[in-house]
Structure formats: structure tokens, C-alpha cells
Amino acid sequence: MQKQADVNMTFESFVELYEKDVRSKLKGSIWCAKESIIRLKILPYFGKGQLCEITPKDVNDWQNDLNRNKDRLVWELEEVEAEI
């Protein structure tokens, strides 16, 4: 990564570094799909939290939320794929 990630940075800041590092290495359509999932599903849940504060329980809770909304998620992913 261009700048070293710090465990005290927010997840949102980490995603910005990740994008700078990864985006140019992927096809545009692949990045668009990843970015959509990050923006719609991951950042709303983890964005403002510090990396060092995200626990396995937080990840499990997030996964459980996704599973509760699985039908909606599948529909949204199909929409993203249709745009690619």
C-alpha cells in the first residue's frame, strides 16, 4: 500500500488506501463490483470504527445482518452484475 495502514485508523480510511493500492490492478468492471459491495454493505457497518476496535463478534453480527437481508442482497448483487 502507498501509505502504511495503522490499526488506529478508521475502516473508512483503510478502504481509501485499499482503493489506491488495488483499483489500478483490476479491470474496471471488477473494481465497480467490489466498490459497490464495499460502499453499500461494508462501510455502513464498519466505516467509522477504528480497525483495532473491530472484533470477531462485530464481523459475525455483520454477517448475521447480511443473512437476514439475504434476498435483498442477492437482488442487489444481481443488479450490479447486470450493469457489468
Protein backbone atom coordinates (compact mmCIF):
# COMPACT_ATOMS: atom_id res chain seq x y z
CA MET A 1 0.00 0.00 0.00
CA GLN A 2 1.14 3.53 -0.68
CA LYS A 3 0.77 4.61 2.93
CA GLN A 4 1.08 2.07 5.69
CA ALA A 5 -2.18 1.12 7.34
CA ASP A 6 -2.44 1.90 11.03
CA VAL A 7 -4.65 -0.11 13.37
CA ASN A 8 -5.93 3.15 14.86
CA MET A 9 -7.22 4.45 11.53
CA THR A 10 -10.89 4.14 10.68
CA PHE A 11 -12.05 1.36 8.44
CA GLU A 12 -13.16 4.08 6.02
CA SER A 13 -9.58 5.44 5.84
CA PHE A 14 -8.27 1.93 5.30
CA VAL A 15 -10.67 1.47 2.37
CA GLU A 16 -9.31 4.65 0.80
CA LEU A 17 -5.78 3.22 0.99
CA TYR A 18 -7.04 -0.12 -0.32
CA GLU A 19 -8.66 1.57 -3.29
CA LYS A 20 -5.49 3.49 -4.18
CA ASP A 21 -3.50 0.27 -3.99
CA VAL A 22 -5.87 -2.13 -5.75
CA ARG A 23 -8.04 -0.20 -8.19
CA SER A 24 -5.45 0.17 -10.96
CA LYS A 25 -4.66 -3.57 -10.78
CA LEU A 26 -8.23 -4.68 -11.55
CA LYS A 27 -10.48 -4.48 -14.58
CA GLY A 28 -12.91 -1.60 -14.30
CA SER A 29 -15.93 -3.89 -14.02
CA ILE A 30 -14.30 -5.93 -11.24
CA TRP A 31 -13.46 -2.79 -9.30
CA CYS A 32 -17.01 -1.46 -9.77
CA ALA A 33 -18.47 -4.64 -8.29
CA LYS A 34 -16.04 -4.57 -5.33
CA GLU A 35 -16.60 -0.86 -4.74
CA SER A 36 -20.35 -1.28 -4.78
CA ILE A 37 -20.23 -4.02 -2.15
CA ILE A 38 -17.78 -2.04 -0.03
CA ARG A 39 -19.86 1.14 -0.25
CA LEU A 40 -23.29 -0.46 0.22
CA LYS A 41 -22.59 -3.34 2.60
CA ILE A 42 -19.33 -2.92 4.46
CA LEU A 43 -18.74 0.80 5.02
CA PRO A 44 -22.15 1.49 6.54
CA TYR A 45 -21.40 -1.09 9.21
CA PHE A 46 -17.66 -0.63 9.85
CA GLY A 47 -16.75 2.71 8.25
CA LYS A 48 -16.41 4.97 11.30
CA GLY A 49 -14.88 2.32 13.57
CA GLN A 50 -11.16 2.03 14.15
CA LEU A 51 -9.57 -1.11 12.74
CA CYS A 52 -8.32 -2.07 16.19
CA GLU A 53 -11.86 -1.93 17.58
CA ILE A 54 -13.42 -4.33 15.07
CA THR A 55 -13.83 -7.69 16.78
CA PRO A 56 -14.74 -11.15 15.50
CA LYS A 57 -18.14 -10.61 17.17
CA ASP A 58 -18.62 -7.44 15.08
CA VAL A 59 -17.89 -9.42 11.92
CA ASN A 60 -20.30 -12.17 12.99
CA ASP A 61 -23.00 -9.59 13.76
CA TRP A 62 -22.44 -8.03 10.34
CA GLN A 63 -22.69 -11.42 8.64
CA ASN A 64 -25.88 -12.15 10.55
CA ASP A 65 -27.35 -8.84 9.38
CA LEU A 66 -26.44 -9.75 5.82
CA ASN A 67 -28.02 -13.17 6.18
CA ARG A 68 -31.23 -11.63 7.49
CA ASN A 69 -31.32 -9.49 4.38
CA LYS A 70 -30.04 -12.20 2.03
CA ASP A 71 -32.82 -11.92 -0.53
CA ARG A 72 -32.30 -8.19 -0.80
CA LEU A 73 -28.52 -8.64 -1.07
CA VAL A 74 -28.86 -11.25 -3.82
CA TRP A 75 -31.14 -8.93 -5.75
CA GLU A 76 -28.70 -6.01 -5.38
CA LEU A 77 -25.73 -8.15 -6.46
CA GLU A 78 -27.68 -9.33 -9.49
CA GLU A 79 -28.35 -5.69 -10.34
CA VAL A 80 -24.62 -4.90 -10.10
CA GLU A 81 -23.76 -7.89 -12.28
CA ALA A 82 -26.35 -6.85 -14.85
CA GLU A 83 -24.63 -3.47 -15.13
CA ILE A 84 -21.22 -5.06 -15.77
